[in-house]
Amino acid sequence: MSPIEKFKAALSGSEIQVLHQCLEQAMQPLPKESVPWYLGGSHTATGHLKPLHAKALQQLSAQWVQLPLGLRWDTQEGTPSSRSLALAEWAKQLHDQGHVTGWRNEKFSFWEDQVIGLGKHSLEPTSHLPVAFEMERSAFRFFGLRSHAVHVNGFTLEGHVWCGRRAQTKATDPGMLDNIAAGGLPAGELLQTCGVREMAEEAGISEALAMTAVAHGKVSTCRSVATGWHHETLWVYNLLVPPEITPINQDGEVSEFACMSPKQVVEAIANHAFTVDAACVIAQGVLN
């Protein structure tokens, strides 16, 4: 039996159902009061704003045009570079006003849905796909934009799972259980490169071992958070961690690692000890 088969075999039917529920509940409905905004001539919403955030943007610039059901914005040039410049300035102002917190000084790329696709049909984010713009990652939730991240499940030969506990200093979900490695996809970086880097930084895993991680699909998550609307596609990888390897954090973002049995993992998920995204990634890595 493979490690994943051993993981599933150790669980009861009700425990398996906990994992299914993670995937079923990954996409939460938009709040009724959310304000959609549209980039250029797009007919589908680019992002979704809290009403307070929509007002803040309109106060920043008259370029945010009021529509019957939302807002529309674009630069006069309508180019990725001009949009990125404008959004960079607004993100700084919003940060100064306290609307955008946890500044990372790192940019994410944004691809429109008609370019990258949705759900099961979404494409891998690469430089071959034309980006609409780039922006400080901390502002993505404010603007309600879809981002991308790489998450890695670390399985042992016995079917147990290495899980990290997020440091208390983390701006998001401090102290909660997480995958062995995970991180947002920075602008210009490939999924595999991101995963290898995160495994080195968060778990001290060598490049040679990290390169053996196997892509295992993707799962999209949406939910309302204090800073706005969280919408992210999680690209899942499964890694077989040899018995002689113990994860050791290198960047201060993980306070400890624990090798958990399947039942311990599912119990922790049921008790909401894992981040929502990590729970979805474990479910994706085991069930699909």
C-alpha atoms as a PDB file:
ATOM      1  CA  MET A   1       0.000   0.000   0.000  1.00  0.00           C
ATOM      2  CA  SER A   2       1.107   3.532  -0.715  1.00  0.00           C
ATOM      3  CA  PRO A   3       1.368   6.061   2.160  1.00  0.00           C
ATOM      4  CA  ILE A   4      -1.879   7.682   1.019  1.00  0.00           C
ATOM      5  CA  GLU A   5      -3.665   4.328   0.914  1.00  0.00           C
ATOM      6  CA  LYS A   6      -2.388   3.585   4.435  1.00  0.00           C
ATOM      7  CA  PHE A   7      -3.655   6.985   5.584  1.00  0.00           C
ATOM      8  CA  LYS A   8      -7.148   6.311   4.222  1.00  0.00           C
ATOM      9  CA  ALA A   9      -7.205   2.716   5.495  1.00  0.00           C
ATOM     10  CA  ALA A  10      -6.643   3.946   9.053  1.00  0.00           C
ATOM     11  CA  LEU A  11      -9.793   6.076   8.992  1.00  0.00           C
ATOM     12  CA  SER A  12     -13.433   5.253   9.633  1.00  0.00           C
ATOM     13  CA  GLY A  13     -16.198   6.262   7.258  1.00  0.00           C
ATOM     14  CA  SER A  14     -17.130   9.255   9.411  1.00  0.00           C
ATOM     15  CA  GLU A  15     -13.502  10.383   9.509  1.00  0.00           C
ATOM     16  CA  ILE A  16     -13.271  10.171   5.713  1.00  0.00           C
ATOM     17  CA  GLN A  17     -16.419  12.282   5.594  1.00  0.00           C
ATOM     18  CA  VAL A  18     -14.639  15.025   7.579  1.00  0.00           C
ATOM     19  CA  LEU A  19     -12.146  15.273   4.728  1.00  0.00           C
ATOM     20  CA  HIS A  20     -14.903  15.377   2.117  1.00  0.00           C
ATOM     21  CA  GLN A  21     -16.560  18.210   4.041  1.00  0.00           C
ATOM     22  CA  CYS A  22     -13.337  20.229   3.847  1.00  0.00           C
ATOM     23  CA  LEU A  23     -13.551  20.225   0.067  1.00  0.00           C
ATOM     24  CA  GLU A  24     -17.324  20.739  -0.010  1.00  0.00           C
ATOM     25  CA  GLN A  25     -17.033  23.805   2.234  1.00  0.00           C
ATOM     26  CA  ALA A  26     -13.905  25.271   0.646  1.00  0.00           C
ATOM     27  CA  MET A  27     -15.884  27.752  -1.462  1.00  0.00           C
ATOM     28  CA  GLN A  28     -17.972  29.932   0.827  1.00  0.00           C
ATOM     29  CA  PRO A  29     -20.659  32.209  -0.662  1.00  0.00           C
ATOM     30  CA  LEU A  30     -19.969  35.895  -1.056  1.00  0.00           C
ATOM     31  CA  PRO A  31     -21.486  38.173   1.601  1.00  0.00           C
ATOM     32  CA  LYS A  32     -24.681  39.783   0.279  1.00  0.00           C
ATOM     33  CA  GLU A  33     -23.276  43.261   0.840  1.00  0.00           C
ATOM     34  CA  SER A  34     -20.058  42.653  -1.112  1.00  0.00           C
ATOM     35  CA  VAL A  35     -19.319  45.070  -3.947  1.00  0.00           C
ATOM     36  CA  PRO A  36     -17.997  43.533  -7.202  1.00  0.00           C
ATOM     37  CA  TRP A  37     -15.492  45.493  -9.224  1.00  0.00           C
ATOM     38  CA  TYR A  38     -14.637  45.102 -12.897  1.00  0.00           C
ATOM     39  CA  LEU A  39     -11.352  45.710 -14.671  1.00  0.00           C
ATOM     40  CA  GLY A  40     -11.699  47.578 -17.968  1.00  0.00           C
ATOM     41  CA  GLY A  41     -14.408  46.100 -20.151  1.00  0.00           C
ATOM     42  CA  SER A  42     -14.635  42.810 -18.295  1.00  0.00           C
ATOM     43  CA  HIS A  43     -18.151  41.430 -17.848  1.00  0.00           C
ATOM     44  CA  THR A  44     -17.133  39.177 -14.936  1.00  0.00           C
ATOM     45  CA  ALA A  45     -16.084  40.525 -11.557  1.00  0.00           C
ATOM     46  CA  THR A  46     -12.343  40.926 -11.109  1.00  0.00           C
ATOM     47  CA  GLY A  47     -12.653  41.085  -7.331  1.00  0.00           C
ATOM     48  CA  HIS A  48     -15.097  41.689  -4.510  1.00  0.00           C
ATOM     49  CA  LEU A  49     -14.922  44.503  -1.960  1.00  0.00           C
ATOM     50  CA  LYS A  50     -16.344  45.189   1.450  1.00  0.00           C
ATOM     51  CA  PRO A  51     -18.611  48.266   1.264  1.00  0.00           C
ATOM     52  CA  LEU A  52     -16.128  50.189   3.431  1.00  0.00           C
ATOM     53  CA  HIS A  53     -13.316  49.248   1.076  1.00  0.00           C
ATOM     54  CA  ALA A  54     -15.317  50.347  -1.963  1.00  0.00           C
ATOM     55  CA  LYS A  55     -15.834  53.756  -0.353  1.00  0.00           C
ATOM     56  CA  ALA A  56     -12.135  54.012   0.485  1.00  0.00           C
ATOM     57  CA  LEU A  57     -11.196  53.419  -3.156  1.00  0.00           C
ATOM     58  CA  GLN A  58     -13.658  55.984  -4.434  1.00  0.00           C
ATOM     59  CA  GLN A  59     -12.211  58.495  -1.995  1.00  0.00           C
ATOM     60  CA  LEU A  60      -8.711  57.761  -3.282  1.00  0.00           C
ATOM     61  CA  SER A  61      -9.513  58.281  -6.942  1.00  0.00           C
ATOM     62  CA  ALA A  62     -12.331  59.314  -9.251  1.00  0.00           C
ATOM     63  CA  GLN A  63     -11.111  56.577 -11.615  1.00  0.00           C
ATOM     64  CA  TRP A  64     -13.237  54.132  -9.633  1.00  0.00           C
ATOM     65  CA  VAL A  65     -16.479  54.570 -11.530  1.00  0.00           C
ATOM     66  CA  GLN A  66     -19.764  53.740  -9.837  1.00  0.00           C
ATOM     67  CA  LEU A  67     -21.945  51.187 -11.640  1.00  0.00           C
ATOM     68  CA  PRO A  68     -25.496  50.124 -10.738  1.00  0.00           C
ATOM     69  CA  LEU A  69     -24.111  46.959  -9.128  1.00  0.00           C
ATOM     70  CA  GLY A  70     -20.469  47.720  -8.375  1.00  0.00           C
ATOM     71  CA  LEU A  71     -17.374  49.602  -9.518  1.00  0.00           C
ATOM     72  CA  ARG A  72     -15.300  49.684 -12.693  1.00  0.00           C
ATOM     73  CA  TRP A  73     -11.660  50.690 -12.999  1.00  0.00           C
ATOM     74  CA  ASP A  74      -8.788  50.732 -15.439  1.00  0.00           C
ATOM     75  CA  THR A  75      -5.949  53.032 -16.358  1.00  0.00           C
ATOM     76  CA  GLN A  76      -6.125  55.151 -19.496  1.00  0.00           C
ATOM     77  CA  GLU A  77      -3.430  52.971 -21.093  1.00  0.00           C
ATOM     78  CA  GLY A  78      -5.061  49.714 -19.991  1.00  0.00           C
ATOM     79  CA  THR A  79      -1.664  47.996 -19.727  1.00  0.00           C
ATOM     80  CA  PRO A  80      -0.314  45.668 -17.018  1.00  0.00           C
ATOM     81  CA  SER A  81       2.500  48.104 -16.185  1.00  0.00           C
ATOM     82  CA  SER A  82       0.258  51.161 -15.877  1.00  0.00           C
ATOM     83  CA  ARG A  83      -2.220  49.236 -13.730  1.00  0.00           C
ATOM     84  CA  SER A  84       0.577  47.917 -11.513  1.00  0.00           C
ATOM     85  CA  LEU A  85       1.931  51.430 -10.966  1.00  0.00           C
ATOM     86  CA  ALA A  86      -1.478  52.832 -10.018  1.00  0.00           C
ATOM     87  CA  LEU A  87      -2.298  49.929  -7.708  1.00  0.00           C
ATOM     88  CA  ALA A  88       1.116  50.160  -6.040  1.00  0.00           C
ATOM     89  CA  GLU A  89       0.440  53.776  -5.086  1.00  0.00           C
ATOM     90  CA  TRP A  90      -3.070  53.041  -3.837  1.00  0.00           C
ATOM     91  CA  ALA A  91      -1.906  50.026  -1.865  1.00  0.00           C
ATOM     92  CA  LYS A  92       0.615  52.222  -0.025  1.00  0.00           C
ATOM     93  CA  GLN A  93      -2.057  54.799   0.754  1.00  0.00           C
ATOM     94  CA  LEU A  94      -4.453  52.113   1.953  1.00  0.00           C
ATOM     95  CA  HIS A  95      -1.686  50.706   4.132  1.00  0.00           C
ATOM     96  CA  ASP A  96      -1.065  54.145   5.628  1.00  0.00           C
ATOM     97  CA  GLN A  97      -4.794  54.427   6.343  1.00  0.00           C
ATOM     98  CA  GLY A  98      -4.828  51.039   8.102  1.00  0.00           C
ATOM     99  CA  HIS A  99      -6.986  49.282   5.525  1.00  0.00           C
ATOM    100  CA  VAL A 100      -4.133  47.034   4.340  1.00  0.00           C
ATOM    101  CA  THR A 101      -2.073  45.381   7.073  1.00  0.00           C
ATOM    102  CA  GLY A 102       0.852  42.959   7.255  1.00  0.00           C
ATOM    103  CA  TRP A 103       2.875  44.564   4.461  1.00  0.00           C
ATOM    104  CA  ARG A 104       5.154  41.967   2.822  1.00  0.00           C
ATOM    105  CA  ASN A 105       6.969  44.004   0.157  1.00  0.00           C
ATOM    106  CA  GLU A 106       6.325  41.128  -2.246  1.00  0.00           C
ATOM    107  CA  LYS A 107       4.118  41.137  -5.317  1.00  0.00           C
ATOM    108  CA  PHE A 108       1.565  38.662  -6.547  1.00  0.00           C
ATOM    109  CA  SER A 109       0.469  38.418 -10.171  1.00  0.00           C
ATOM    110  CA  PHE A 110      -3.196  38.615 -11.070  1.00  0.00           C
ATOM    111  CA  TRP A 111      -4.626  36.746 -14.048  1.00  0.00           C
ATOM    112  CA  GLU A 112      -8.175  37.364 -15.219  1.00  0.00           C
ATOM    113  CA  ASP A 113     -10.507  34.373 -15.187  1.00  0.00           C
ATOM    114  CA  GLN A 114     -10.806  34.308 -18.976  1.00  0.00           C
ATOM    115  CA  VAL A 115      -7.024  33.930 -19.177  1.00  0.00           C
ATOM    116  CA  ILE A 116      -6.273  31.372 -16.462  1.00  0.00           C
ATOM    117  CA  GLY A 117      -9.638  29.627 -16.204  1.00  0.00           C
ATOM    118  CA  LEU A 118     -11.727  28.591 -13.234  1.00  0.00           C
ATOM    119  CA  GLY A 119     -12.119  25.492 -11.087  1.00  0.00           C
ATOM    120  CA  LYS A 120     -10.985  22.195 -12.593  1.00  0.00           C
ATOM    121  CA  HIS A 121     -10.254  23.928 -15.885  1.00  0.00           C
ATOM    122  CA  SER A 122      -7.834  26.513 -14.485  1.00  0.00           C
ATOM    123  CA  LEU A 123      -4.338  26.557 -15.952  1.00  0.00           C
ATOM    124  CA  GLU A 124      -1.057  26.605 -14.084  1.00  0.00           C
ATOM    125  CA  PRO A 125       0.093  30.199 -13.509  1.00  0.00           C
ATOM    126  CA  THR A 126       3.190  30.748 -15.654  1.00  0.00           C
ATOM    127  CA  SER A 127       4.922  33.547 -17.526  1.00  0.00           C
ATOM    128  CA  HIS A 128       3.239  32.268 -20.694  1.00  0.00           C
ATOM    129  CA  LEU A 129      -0.107  33.566 -19.443  1.00  0.00           C
ATOM    130  CA  PRO A 130      -0.539  37.341 -19.771  1.00  0.00           C
ATOM    131  CA  VAL A 131      -1.006  38.982 -16.375  1.00  0.00           C
ATOM    132  CA  ALA A 132      -3.501  41.797 -15.872  1.00  0.00           C
ATOM    133  CA  PHE A 133      -1.251  43.427 -13.253  1.00  0.00           C
ATOM    134  CA  GLU A 134       1.001  42.814 -10.250  1.00  0.00           C
ATOM    135  CA  MET A 135       0.380  44.120  -6.745  1.00  0.00           C
ATOM    136  CA  GLU A 136       1.609  43.898  -3.153  1.00  0.00           C
ATOM    137  CA  ARG A 137       0.372  40.565  -1.843  1.00  0.00           C
ATOM    138  CA  SER A 138      -0.953  42.068   1.403  1.00  0.00           C
ATOM    139  CA  ALA A 139      -3.488  44.087  -0.601  1.00  0.00           C
ATOM    140  CA  PHE A 140      -4.991  41.125  -2.474  1.00  0.00           C
ATOM    141  CA  ARG A 141      -7.587  40.417   0.199  1.00  0.00           C
ATOM    142  CA  PHE A 142      -8.594  44.079   0.373  1.00  0.00           C
ATOM    143  CA  PHE A 143      -9.302  44.050  -3.364  1.00  0.00           C
ATOM    144  CA  GLY A 144     -10.861  40.566  -3.162  1.00  0.00           C
ATOM    145  CA  LEU A 145      -8.511  39.184  -5.800  1.00  0.00           C
ATOM    146  CA  ARG A 146      -7.773  35.562  -6.602  1.00  0.00           C
ATOM    147  CA  SER A 147      -4.223  34.583  -5.662  1.00  0.00           C
ATOM    148  CA  HIS A 148      -2.251  31.348  -5.982  1.00  0.00           C
ATOM    149  CA  ALA A 149      -0.257  29.318  -3.462  1.00  0.00           C
ATOM    150  CA  VAL A 150       1.735  26.090  -3.261  1.00  0.00           C
ATOM    151  CA  HIS A 151       1.037  23.661  -0.405  1.00  0.00           C
ATOM    152  CA  VAL A 152       2.957  20.460   0.315  1.00  0.00           C
ATOM    153  CA  ASN A 153       1.716  17.418   2.238  1.00  0.00           C
ATOM    154  CA  GLY A 154       4.580  15.523   3.866  1.00  0.00           C
ATOM    155  CA  PHE A 155       3.706  11.815   4.162  1.00  0.00           C
ATOM    156  CA  THR A 156       5.774   9.128   5.875  1.00  0.00           C
ATOM    157  CA  LEU A 157       6.031   5.523   4.684  1.00  0.00           C
ATOM    158  CA  GLU A 158       3.563   4.557   7.437  1.00  0.00           C
ATOM    159  CA  GLY A 159       0.949   6.973   6.149  1.00  0.00           C
ATOM    160  CA  HIS A 160       1.488   9.551   8.874  1.00  0.00           C
ATOM    161  CA  VAL A 161       1.762  13.266   8.053  1.00  0.00           C
ATOM    162  CA  TRP A 162       4.363  15.851   9.015  1.00  0.00           C
ATOM    163  CA  CYS A 163       2.566  19.038  10.033  1.00  0.00           C
ATOM    164  CA  GLY A 164       3.975  22.398  11.013  1.00  0.00           C
ATOM    165  CA  ARG A 165       2.617  24.804  13.595  1.00  0.00           C
ATOM    166  CA  ARG A 166       2.571  28.396  12.417  1.00  0.00           C
ATOM    167  CA  ALA A 167       4.650  30.779  14.512  1.00  0.00           C
ATOM    168  CA  GLN A 168       2.784  33.148  16.810  1.00  0.00           C
ATOM    169  CA  THR A 169       4.369  36.027  14.901  1.00  0.00           C
ATOM    170  CA  LYS A 170       2.543  35.114  11.674  1.00  0.00           C
ATOM    171  CA  ALA A 171       0.085  37.793  10.562  1.00  0.00           C
ATOM    172  CA  THR A 172      -2.403  35.149   9.403  1.00  0.00           C
ATOM    173  CA  ASP A 173      -3.564  32.161  11.497  1.00  0.00           C
ATOM    174  CA  PRO A 174      -0.782  32.318  14.140  1.00  0.00           C
ATOM    175  CA  GLY A 175      -0.319  29.134  16.166  1.00  0.00           C
ATOM    176  CA  MET A 176      -2.480  26.974  13.916  1.00  0.00           C
ATOM    177  CA  LEU A 177      -1.447  23.684  12.342  1.00  0.00           C
ATOM    178  CA  ASP A 178      -0.363  23.799   8.697  1.00  0.00           C
ATOM    179  CA  ASN A 179       1.101  21.630   5.961  1.00  0.00           C
ATOM    180  CA  ILE A 180       4.799  20.715   6.027  1.00  0.00           C
ATOM    181  CA  ALA A 181       5.408  23.711   3.731  1.00  0.00           C
ATOM    182  CA  ALA A 182       3.211  26.290   2.060  1.00  0.00           C
ATOM    183  CA  GLY A 183       3.498  29.725   0.556  1.00  0.00           C
ATOM    184  CA  GLY A 184       1.938  32.227  -1.783  1.00  0.00           C
ATOM    185  CA  LEU A 185       3.194  32.267  -5.367  1.00  0.00           C
ATOM    186  CA  PRO A 186       5.262  35.438  -5.942  1.00  0.00           C
ATOM    187  CA  ALA A 187       5.138  37.242  -9.262  1.00  0.00           C
ATOM    188  CA  GLY A 188       7.390  35.590 -11.831  1.00  0.00           C
ATOM    189  CA  GLU A 189       7.959  32.330  -9.936  1.00  0.00           C
ATOM    190  CA  LEU A 190       6.973  28.856 -11.137  1.00  0.00           C
ATOM    191  CA  LEU A 191       4.895  26.547  -8.948  1.00  0.00           C
ATOM    192  CA  GLN A 192       7.637  23.937  -8.555  1.00  0.00           C
ATOM    193  CA  THR A 193      10.299  26.578  -7.851  1.00  0.00           C
ATOM    194  CA  CYS A 194       8.041  28.104  -5.215  1.00  0.00           C
ATOM    195  CA  GLY A 195       7.436  24.725  -3.610  1.00  0.00           C
ATOM    196  CA  VAL A 196      11.128  23.815  -3.527  1.00  0.00           C
ATOM    197  CA  ARG A 197      11.983  27.192  -1.980  1.00  0.00           C
ATOM    198  CA  GLU A 198       9.241  26.932   0.643  1.00  0.00           C
ATOM    199  CA  MET A 199      10.275  23.387   1.587  1.00  0.00           C
ATOM    200  CA  ALA A 200      13.836  24.604   2.132  1.00  0.00           C
ATOM    201  CA  GLU A 201      12.830  27.702   4.112  1.00  0.00           C
ATOM    202  CA  GLU A 202      10.065  26.213   6.220  1.00  0.00           C
ATOM    203  CA  ALA A 203      11.178  22.607   6.696  1.00  0.00           C
ATOM    204  CA  GLY A 204      14.904  22.483   5.830  1.00  0.00           C
ATOM    205  CA  ILE A 205      14.268  19.976   3.044  1.00  0.00           C
ATOM    206  CA  SER A 206      16.988  19.587   0.434  1.00  0.00           C
ATOM    207  CA  GLU A 207      16.368  20.542  -3.173  1.00  0.00           C
ATOM    208  CA  ALA A 208      16.965  16.949  -4.268  1.00  0.00           C
ATOM    209  CA  LEU A 209      14.210  15.649  -1.982  1.00  0.00           C
ATOM    210  CA  ALA A 210      11.886  18.578  -2.665  1.00  0.00           C
ATOM    211  CA  MET A 211      12.068  17.902  -6.396  1.00  0.00           C
ATOM    212  CA  THR A 212      10.490  14.483  -5.812  1.00  0.00           C
ATOM    213  CA  ALA A 213       7.227  16.048  -4.609  1.00  0.00           C
ATOM    214  CA  VAL A 214       4.371  15.015  -6.899  1.00  0.00           C
ATOM    215  CA  ALA A 215       1.717  17.452  -8.100  1.00  0.00           C
ATOM    216  CA  HIS A 216      -1.671  16.333  -6.829  1.00  0.00           C
ATOM    217  CA  GLY A 217      -4.192  18.696  -8.315  1.00  0.00           C
ATOM    218  CA  LYS A 218      -5.582  21.911  -6.929  1.00  0.00           C
ATOM    219  CA  VAL A 219      -8.344  23.207  -4.710  1.00  0.00           C
ATOM    220  CA  SER A 220      -9.835  26.699  -4.615  1.00  0.00           C
ATOM    221  CA  THR A 221     -10.894  28.345  -1.375  1.00  0.00           C
ATOM    222  CA  CYS A 222     -13.063  31.428  -0.829  1.00  0.00           C
ATOM    223  CA  ARG A 223     -14.139  33.004   2.432  1.00  0.00           C
ATOM    224  CA  SER A 224     -14.736  36.317   4.118  1.00  0.00           C
ATOM    225  CA  VAL A 225     -11.888  37.482   6.371  1.00  0.00           C
ATOM    226  CA  ALA A 226     -11.337  40.572   8.499  1.00  0.00           C
ATOM    227  CA  THR A 227      -9.154  42.172   5.830  1.00  0.00           C
ATOM    228  CA  GLY A 228     -11.538  41.510   2.940  1.00  0.00           C
ATOM    229  CA  TRP A 229     -12.313  38.547   0.684  1.00  0.00           C
ATOM    230  CA  HIS A 230      -9.894  35.609   0.534  1.00  0.00           C
ATOM    231  CA  HIS A 231      -9.893  33.803  -2.812  1.00  0.00           C
ATOM    232  CA  GLU A 232      -6.973  31.488  -3.551  1.00  0.00           C
ATOM    233  CA  THR A 233      -6.165  28.503  -5.722  1.00  0.00           C
ATOM    234  CA  LEU A 234      -4.010  26.060  -3.760  1.00  0.00           C
ATOM    235  CA  TRP A 235      -1.696  23.926  -5.879  1.00  0.00           C
ATOM    236  CA  VAL A 236      -1.177  20.666  -4.000  1.00  0.00           C
ATOM    237  CA  TYR A 237       1.964  18.528  -3.876  1.00  0.00           C
ATOM    238  CA  ASN A 238       2.531  15.269  -1.988  1.00  0.00           C
ATOM    239  CA  LEU A 239       6.026  14.545  -0.692  1.00  0.00           C
ATOM    240  CA  LEU A 240       7.265  11.230   0.696  1.00  0.00           C
ATOM    241  CA  VAL A 241       9.506  12.107   3.655  1.00  0.00           C
ATOM    242  CA  PRO A 242      12.121   9.382   4.290  1.00  0.00           C
ATOM    243  CA  PRO A 243      12.385   8.058   7.875  1.00  0.00           C
ATOM    244  CA  GLU A 244      15.840   9.613   8.347  1.00  0.00           C
ATOM    245  CA  ILE A 245      14.508  13.122   7.621  1.00  0.00           C
ATOM    246  CA  THR A 246      13.033  15.353  10.329  1.00  0.00           C
ATOM    247  CA  PRO A 247      11.730  18.750   9.206  1.00  0.00           C
ATOM    248  CA  ILE A 248      13.552  21.704  10.772  1.00  0.00           C
ATOM    249  CA  ASN A 249      12.343  25.241  10.238  1.00  0.00           C
ATOM    250  CA  GLN A 250      14.838  27.731   8.821  1.00  0.00           C
ATOM    251  CA  ASP A 251      12.965  31.049   8.525  1.00  0.00           C
ATOM    252  CA  GLY A 252      11.180  31.442  11.845  1.00  0.00           C
ATOM    253  CA  GLU A 253       7.712  30.987  10.359  1.00  0.00           C
ATOM    254  CA  VAL A 254       7.112  27.552  11.942  1.00  0.00           C
ATOM    255  CA  SER A 255       7.342  27.063  15.707  1.00  0.00           C
ATOM    256  CA  GLU A 256       7.429  23.247  15.635  1.00  0.00           C
ATOM    257  CA  PHE A 257       6.730  20.135  13.573  1.00  0.00           C
ATOM    258  CA  ALA A 258       4.710  17.087  14.573  1.00  0.00           C
ATOM    259  CA  CYS A 259       4.378  13.722  12.846  1.00  0.00           C
ATOM    260  CA  MET A 260       0.673  12.957  13.210  1.00  0.00           C
ATOM    261  CA  SER A 261      -1.285   9.764  12.650  1.00  0.00           C
ATOM    262  CA  PRO A 262      -4.258   9.821  10.274  1.00  0.00           C
ATOM    263  CA  LYS A 263      -6.716   9.839  13.168  1.00  0.00           C
ATOM    264  CA  GLN A 264      -4.839  12.664  14.900  1.00  0.00           C
ATOM    265  CA  VAL A 265      -4.888  14.688  11.685  1.00  0.00           C
ATOM    266  CA  VAL A 266      -8.631  14.254  11.141  1.00  0.00           C
ATOM    267  CA  GLU A 267      -9.407  14.971  14.802  1.00  0.00           C
ATOM    268  CA  ALA A 268      -7.371  18.188  14.584  1.00  0.00           C
ATOM    269  CA  ILE A 269      -9.198  19.173  11.384  1.00  0.00           C
ATOM    270  CA  ALA A 270     -12.580  18.501  13.014  1.00  0.00           C
ATOM    271  CA  ASN A 271     -11.534  20.667  15.979  1.00  0.00           C
ATOM    272  CA  HIS A 272     -10.461  23.500  13.634  1.00  0.00           C
ATOM    273  CA  ALA A 273      -6.838  23.265  14.777  1.00  0.00           C
ATOM    274  CA  PHE A 274      -5.632  23.338  11.152  1.00  0.00           C
ATOM    275  CA  THR A 275      -5.895  26.391   8.933  1.00  0.00           C
ATOM    276  CA  VAL A 276      -8.804  26.099   6.517  1.00  0.00           C
ATOM    277  CA  ASP A 277      -6.446  25.979   3.553  1.00  0.00           C
ATOM    278  CA  ALA A 278      -4.193  23.307   5.081  1.00  0.00           C
ATOM    279  CA  ALA A 279      -7.193  21.109   5.861  1.00  0.00           C
ATOM    280  CA  CYS A 280      -8.390  21.426   2.265  1.00  0.00           C
ATOM    281  CA  VAL A 281      -4.918  20.529   0.981  1.00  0.00           C
ATOM    282  CA  ILE A 282      -4.756  17.402   3.144  1.00  0.00           C
ATOM    283  CA  ALA A 283      -8.199  16.387   1.895  1.00  0.00           C
ATOM    284  CA  GLN A 284      -7.185  17.022  -1.727  1.00  0.00           C
ATOM    285  CA  GLY A 285      -3.938  15.117  -1.294  1.00  0.00           C
ATOM    286  CA  VAL A 286      -5.689  12.101   0.235  1.00  0.00           C
ATOM    287  CA  LEU A 287      -8.996  11.877  -1.603  1.00  0.00           C
ATOM    288  CA  ASN A 288      -8.173  12.913  -5.170  1.00  0.00           C
END
